[in-house]
Amino acid sequence: MTTFETVIICFLAWGALVLCGAFTFHILKTKMDNKKFLVQNHRELWTYYCDHLEELQDLFDDKAKVRALTKKEHMFAVMLTNHAESAYKMLKYDLVLNDRKAAMRDFANVYRKPLMNEYWQSARQYRDADFVKQIDKLLGKKQG
């Protein structure tokens, strides 16, 4: 092997390493941007909840009696489920830096509440099948 070939090989190897580093940086930056977007949406959702606490507090009450949701409760449950489904998809496809187990625990805690569970049972047929399967698994429901 000549000196010229050695220099070319070293240059190409260096270029490959730089390219891999650039791609890694871009992937991590994208995941951080996605996480920022998810957290921002999460914050907006819970700010809305806090602003309407009196009307929405039964949704997360373990002792709430199952009843038909009010219009505002239903709207919030839909927004929360949309957020949970998009967060699940982002976690599933590794689009965010996050702890998947903690997120799944949060999903289970939300959908175990009596009113949220009642909403889930009526809305699950309209959701992505994979998301439904995951939530039902978290809730201990048999697939069938």
C-alpha atoms as a PDB file:
ATOM      1  CA  MET A   1       0.000   0.000   0.000  1.00  0.00           C
ATOM      2  CA  THR A   2       1.403   3.381  -0.970  1.00  0.00           C
ATOM      3  CA  THR A   3       1.544   6.448   1.223  1.00  0.00           C
ATOM      4  CA  PHE A   4      -1.087   8.084  -0.967  1.00  0.00           C
ATOM      5  CA  GLU A   5      -3.506   5.168  -0.440  1.00  0.00           C
ATOM      6  CA  THR A   6      -2.871   5.255   3.321  1.00  0.00           C
ATOM      7  CA  VAL A   7      -3.582   8.997   3.443  1.00  0.00           C
ATOM      8  CA  ILE A   8      -6.792   8.523   1.415  1.00  0.00           C
ATOM      9  CA  ILE A   9      -7.952   5.687   3.704  1.00  0.00           C
ATOM     10  CA  CYS A  10      -7.228   7.790   6.810  1.00  0.00           C
ATOM     11  CA  PHE A  11      -9.054  10.766   5.292  1.00  0.00           C
ATOM     12  CA  LEU A  12     -12.088   8.623   4.421  1.00  0.00           C
ATOM     13  CA  ALA A  13     -12.115   7.032   7.894  1.00  0.00           C
ATOM     14  CA  TRP A  14     -11.936  10.482   9.481  1.00  0.00           C
ATOM     15  CA  GLY A  15     -14.753  11.673   7.205  1.00  0.00           C
ATOM     16  CA  ALA A  16     -16.895   8.652   8.162  1.00  0.00           C
ATOM     17  CA  LEU A  17     -16.368   9.381  11.860  1.00  0.00           C
ATOM     18  CA  VAL A  18     -17.264  13.045  11.424  1.00  0.00           C
ATOM     19  CA  LEU A  19     -20.365  12.077   9.440  1.00  0.00           C
ATOM     20  CA  CYS A  20     -21.426   9.564  12.126  1.00  0.00           C
ATOM     21  CA  GLY A  21     -20.917  12.239  14.787  1.00  0.00           C
ATOM     22  CA  ALA A  22     -22.992  14.742  12.822  1.00  0.00           C
ATOM     23  CA  PHE A  23     -25.815  12.218  12.370  1.00  0.00           C
ATOM     24  CA  THR A  24     -25.698  11.297  16.064  1.00  0.00           C
ATOM     25  CA  PHE A  25     -25.864  14.971  17.039  1.00  0.00           C
ATOM     26  CA  HIS A  26     -28.790  15.545  14.659  1.00  0.00           C
ATOM     27  CA  ILE A  27     -30.695  12.521  16.017  1.00  0.00           C
ATOM     28  CA  LEU A  28     -30.179  13.568  19.642  1.00  0.00           C
ATOM     29  CA  LYS A  29     -31.149  17.168  18.864  1.00  0.00           C
ATOM     30  CA  THR A  30     -34.318  15.964  17.132  1.00  0.00           C
ATOM     31  CA  LYS A  31     -35.200  13.734  20.101  1.00  0.00           C
ATOM     32  CA  MET A  32     -34.656  16.670  22.481  1.00  0.00           C
ATOM     33  CA  ASP A  33     -36.817  18.933  20.296  1.00  0.00           C
ATOM     34  CA  ASN A  34     -39.552  16.281  20.250  1.00  0.00           C
ATOM     35  CA  LYS A  35     -39.318  15.959  24.032  1.00  0.00           C
ATOM     36  CA  LYS A  36     -39.596  19.737  24.334  1.00  0.00           C
ATOM     37  CA  PHE A  37     -42.702  19.702  22.132  1.00  0.00           C
ATOM     38  CA  LEU A  38     -44.250  16.867  24.159  1.00  0.00           C
ATOM     39  CA  VAL A  39     -43.519  18.575  27.479  1.00  0.00           C
ATOM     40  CA  GLN A  40     -44.929  21.852  26.169  1.00  0.00           C
ATOM     41  CA  ASN A  41     -48.166  20.124  25.145  1.00  0.00           C
ATOM     42  CA  HIS A  42     -48.259  18.307  28.482  1.00  0.00           C
ATOM     43  CA  ARG A  43     -47.884  21.592  30.336  1.00  0.00           C
ATOM     44  CA  GLU A  44     -50.659  23.240  28.298  1.00  0.00           C
ATOM     45  CA  LEU A  45     -52.989  20.322  28.999  1.00  0.00           C
ATOM     46  CA  TRP A  46     -52.402  20.411  32.750  1.00  0.00           C
ATOM     47  CA  THR A  47     -52.594  24.209  32.830  1.00  0.00           C
ATOM     48  CA  TYR A  48     -56.044  23.877  31.283  1.00  0.00           C
ATOM     49  CA  TYR A  49     -56.908  21.268  33.926  1.00  0.00           C
ATOM     50  CA  CYS A  50     -55.750  23.556  36.744  1.00  0.00           C
ATOM     51  CA  ASP A  51     -57.663  26.506  35.284  1.00  0.00           C
ATOM     52  CA  HIS A  52     -60.857  24.401  35.287  1.00  0.00           C
ATOM     53  CA  LEU A  53     -60.184  22.337  38.397  1.00  0.00           C
ATOM     54  CA  GLU A  54     -63.662  22.616  39.892  1.00  0.00           C
ATOM     55  CA  GLU A  55     -65.284  21.269  36.743  1.00  0.00           C
ATOM     56  CA  LEU A  56     -62.686  18.555  36.039  1.00  0.00           C
ATOM     57  CA  GLN A  57     -61.533  17.276  39.421  1.00  0.00           C
ATOM     58  CA  ASP A  58     -63.913  14.274  39.376  1.00  0.00           C
ATOM     59  CA  LEU A  59     -62.027  12.819  36.391  1.00  0.00           C
ATOM     60  CA  PHE A  60     -59.101  11.881  38.641  1.00  0.00           C
ATOM     61  CA  ASP A  61     -61.017  11.137  41.833  1.00  0.00           C
ATOM     62  CA  ASP A  62     -60.673   7.479  42.852  1.00  0.00           C
ATOM     63  CA  LYS A  63     -64.016   7.675  44.656  1.00  0.00           C
ATOM     64  CA  ALA A  64     -66.030   9.336  41.877  1.00  0.00           C
ATOM     65  CA  LYS A  65     -69.234   7.566  40.950  1.00  0.00           C
ATOM     66  CA  VAL A  66     -69.415   6.436  37.337  1.00  0.00           C
ATOM     67  CA  ARG A  67     -71.711   8.764  35.419  1.00  0.00           C
ATOM     68  CA  ALA A  68     -71.956  10.439  32.056  1.00  0.00           C
ATOM     69  CA  LEU A  69     -69.186  12.993  31.569  1.00  0.00           C
ATOM     70  CA  THR A  70     -70.043  16.646  31.246  1.00  0.00           C
ATOM     71  CA  LYS A  71     -69.172  18.350  27.979  1.00  0.00           C
ATOM     72  CA  LYS A  72     -66.052  19.931  29.505  1.00  0.00           C
ATOM     73  CA  GLU A  73     -64.947  16.653  31.117  1.00  0.00           C
ATOM     74  CA  HIS A  74     -65.421  14.803  27.843  1.00  0.00           C
ATOM     75  CA  MET A  75     -63.445  17.448  25.942  1.00  0.00           C
ATOM     76  CA  PHE A  76     -60.586  17.198  28.451  1.00  0.00           C
ATOM     77  CA  ALA A  77     -60.637  13.388  28.356  1.00  0.00           C
ATOM     78  CA  VAL A  78     -60.368  13.514  24.552  1.00  0.00           C
ATOM     79  CA  MET A  79     -57.473  15.992  24.716  1.00  0.00           C
ATOM     80  CA  LEU A  80     -55.733  13.883  27.355  1.00  0.00           C
ATOM     81  CA  THR A  81     -56.173  10.696  25.325  1.00  0.00           C
ATOM     82  CA  ASN A  82     -54.896  12.401  22.165  1.00  0.00           C
ATOM     83  CA  HIS A  83     -51.853  13.525  24.111  1.00  0.00           C
ATOM     84  CA  ALA A  84     -51.323  10.068  25.626  1.00  0.00           C
ATOM     85  CA  GLU A  85     -51.621   8.379  22.234  1.00  0.00           C
ATOM     86  CA  SER A  86     -49.137  10.717  20.574  1.00  0.00           C
ATOM     87  CA  ALA A  87     -46.748  10.351  23.531  1.00  0.00           C
ATOM     88  CA  TYR A  88     -47.074   6.567  23.298  1.00  0.00           C
ATOM     89  CA  LYS A  89     -46.266   6.617  19.583  1.00  0.00           C
ATOM     90  CA  MET A  90     -43.274   8.896  20.133  1.00  0.00           C
ATOM     91  CA  LEU A  91     -41.996   6.556  22.845  1.00  0.00           C
ATOM     92  CA  LYS A  92     -42.682   3.452  20.787  1.00  0.00           C
ATOM     93  CA  TYR A  93     -40.720   4.723  17.811  1.00  0.00           C
ATOM     94  CA  ASP A  94     -37.932   6.127  20.017  1.00  0.00           C
ATOM     95  CA  LEU A  95     -38.555   9.709  18.922  1.00  0.00           C
ATOM     96  CA  VAL A  96     -38.009  11.206  22.380  1.00  0.00           C
ATOM     97  CA  LEU A  97     -35.549  10.849  25.217  1.00  0.00           C
ATOM     98  CA  ASN A  98     -37.730   9.457  27.982  1.00  0.00           C
ATOM     99  CA  ASP A  99     -38.361   6.672  30.451  1.00  0.00           C
ATOM    100  CA  ARG A 100     -40.982   4.483  28.775  1.00  0.00           C
ATOM    101  CA  LYS A 101     -41.802   2.541  31.963  1.00  0.00           C
ATOM    102  CA  ALA A 102     -42.651   5.732  33.855  1.00  0.00           C
ATOM    103  CA  ALA A 103     -44.896   6.910  31.028  1.00  0.00           C
ATOM    104  CA  MET A 104     -46.725   3.577  30.936  1.00  0.00           C
ATOM    105  CA  ARG A 105     -47.226   3.778  34.704  1.00  0.00           C
ATOM    106  CA  ASP A 106     -48.716   7.266  34.265  1.00  0.00           C
ATOM    107  CA  PHE A 107     -51.072   6.029  31.524  1.00  0.00           C
ATOM    108  CA  ALA A 108     -52.247   3.184  33.757  1.00  0.00           C
ATOM    109  CA  ASN A 109     -52.835   5.527  36.701  1.00  0.00           C
ATOM    110  CA  VAL A 110     -54.943   7.862  34.576  1.00  0.00           C
ATOM    111  CA  TYR A 111     -57.122   5.219  32.933  1.00  0.00           C
ATOM    112  CA  ARG A 112     -57.752   3.349  36.211  1.00  0.00           C
ATOM    113  CA  LYS A 113     -59.725   6.283  37.605  1.00  0.00           C
ATOM    114  CA  PRO A 114     -63.469   5.468  37.463  1.00  0.00           C
ATOM    115  CA  LEU A 115     -64.580   8.276  35.138  1.00  0.00           C
ATOM    116  CA  MET A 116     -61.508   8.063  32.908  1.00  0.00           C
ATOM    117  CA  ASN A 117     -61.950   4.290  32.693  1.00  0.00           C
ATOM    118  CA  GLU A 118     -65.584   4.750  31.697  1.00  0.00           C
ATOM    119  CA  TYR A 119     -64.489   7.225  29.022  1.00  0.00           C
ATOM    120  CA  TRP A 120     -61.757   4.820  27.861  1.00  0.00           C
ATOM    121  CA  GLN A 121     -64.216   1.942  27.462  1.00  0.00           C
ATOM    122  CA  SER A 122     -66.418   4.069  25.195  1.00  0.00           C
ATOM    123  CA  ALA A 123     -63.577   5.682  23.223  1.00  0.00           C
ATOM    124  CA  ARG A 124     -61.125   2.793  22.774  1.00  0.00           C
ATOM    125  CA  GLN A 125     -62.795   1.589  19.581  1.00  0.00           C
ATOM    126  CA  TYR A 126     -61.803   4.864  17.878  1.00  0.00           C
ATOM    127  CA  ARG A 127     -58.140   4.674  18.854  1.00  0.00           C
ATOM    128  CA  ASP A 128     -55.074   3.139  17.283  1.00  0.00           C
ATOM    129  CA  ALA A 129     -55.152  -0.636  17.834  1.00  0.00           C
ATOM    130  CA  ASP A 130     -51.617  -0.771  19.223  1.00  0.00           C
ATOM    131  CA  PHE A 131     -52.347   2.018  21.715  1.00  0.00           C
ATOM    132  CA  VAL A 132     -55.568   0.272  22.782  1.00  0.00           C
ATOM    133  CA  LYS A 133     -53.731  -3.008  23.247  1.00  0.00           C
ATOM    134  CA  GLN A 134     -51.097  -1.310  25.421  1.00  0.00           C
ATOM    135  CA  ILE A 135     -53.613   0.531  27.618  1.00  0.00           C
ATOM    136  CA  ASP A 136     -55.762  -2.587  28.021  1.00  0.00           C
ATOM    137  CA  LYS A 137     -52.642  -4.542  28.976  1.00  0.00           C
ATOM    138  CA  LEU A 138     -51.784  -1.902  31.571  1.00  0.00           C
ATOM    139  CA  LEU A 139     -55.326  -2.099  32.910  1.00  0.00           C
ATOM    140  CA  GLY A 140     -55.121  -5.878  33.116  1.00  0.00           C
ATOM    141  CA  LYS A 141     -57.813  -6.465  30.489  1.00  0.00           C
ATOM    142  CA  LYS A 142     -57.809  -9.677  28.485  1.00  0.00           C
ATOM    143  CA  GLN A 143     -57.293  -9.270  24.752  1.00  0.00           C
ATOM    144  CA  GLY A 144     -59.927 -10.956  22.669  1.00  0.00           C
END
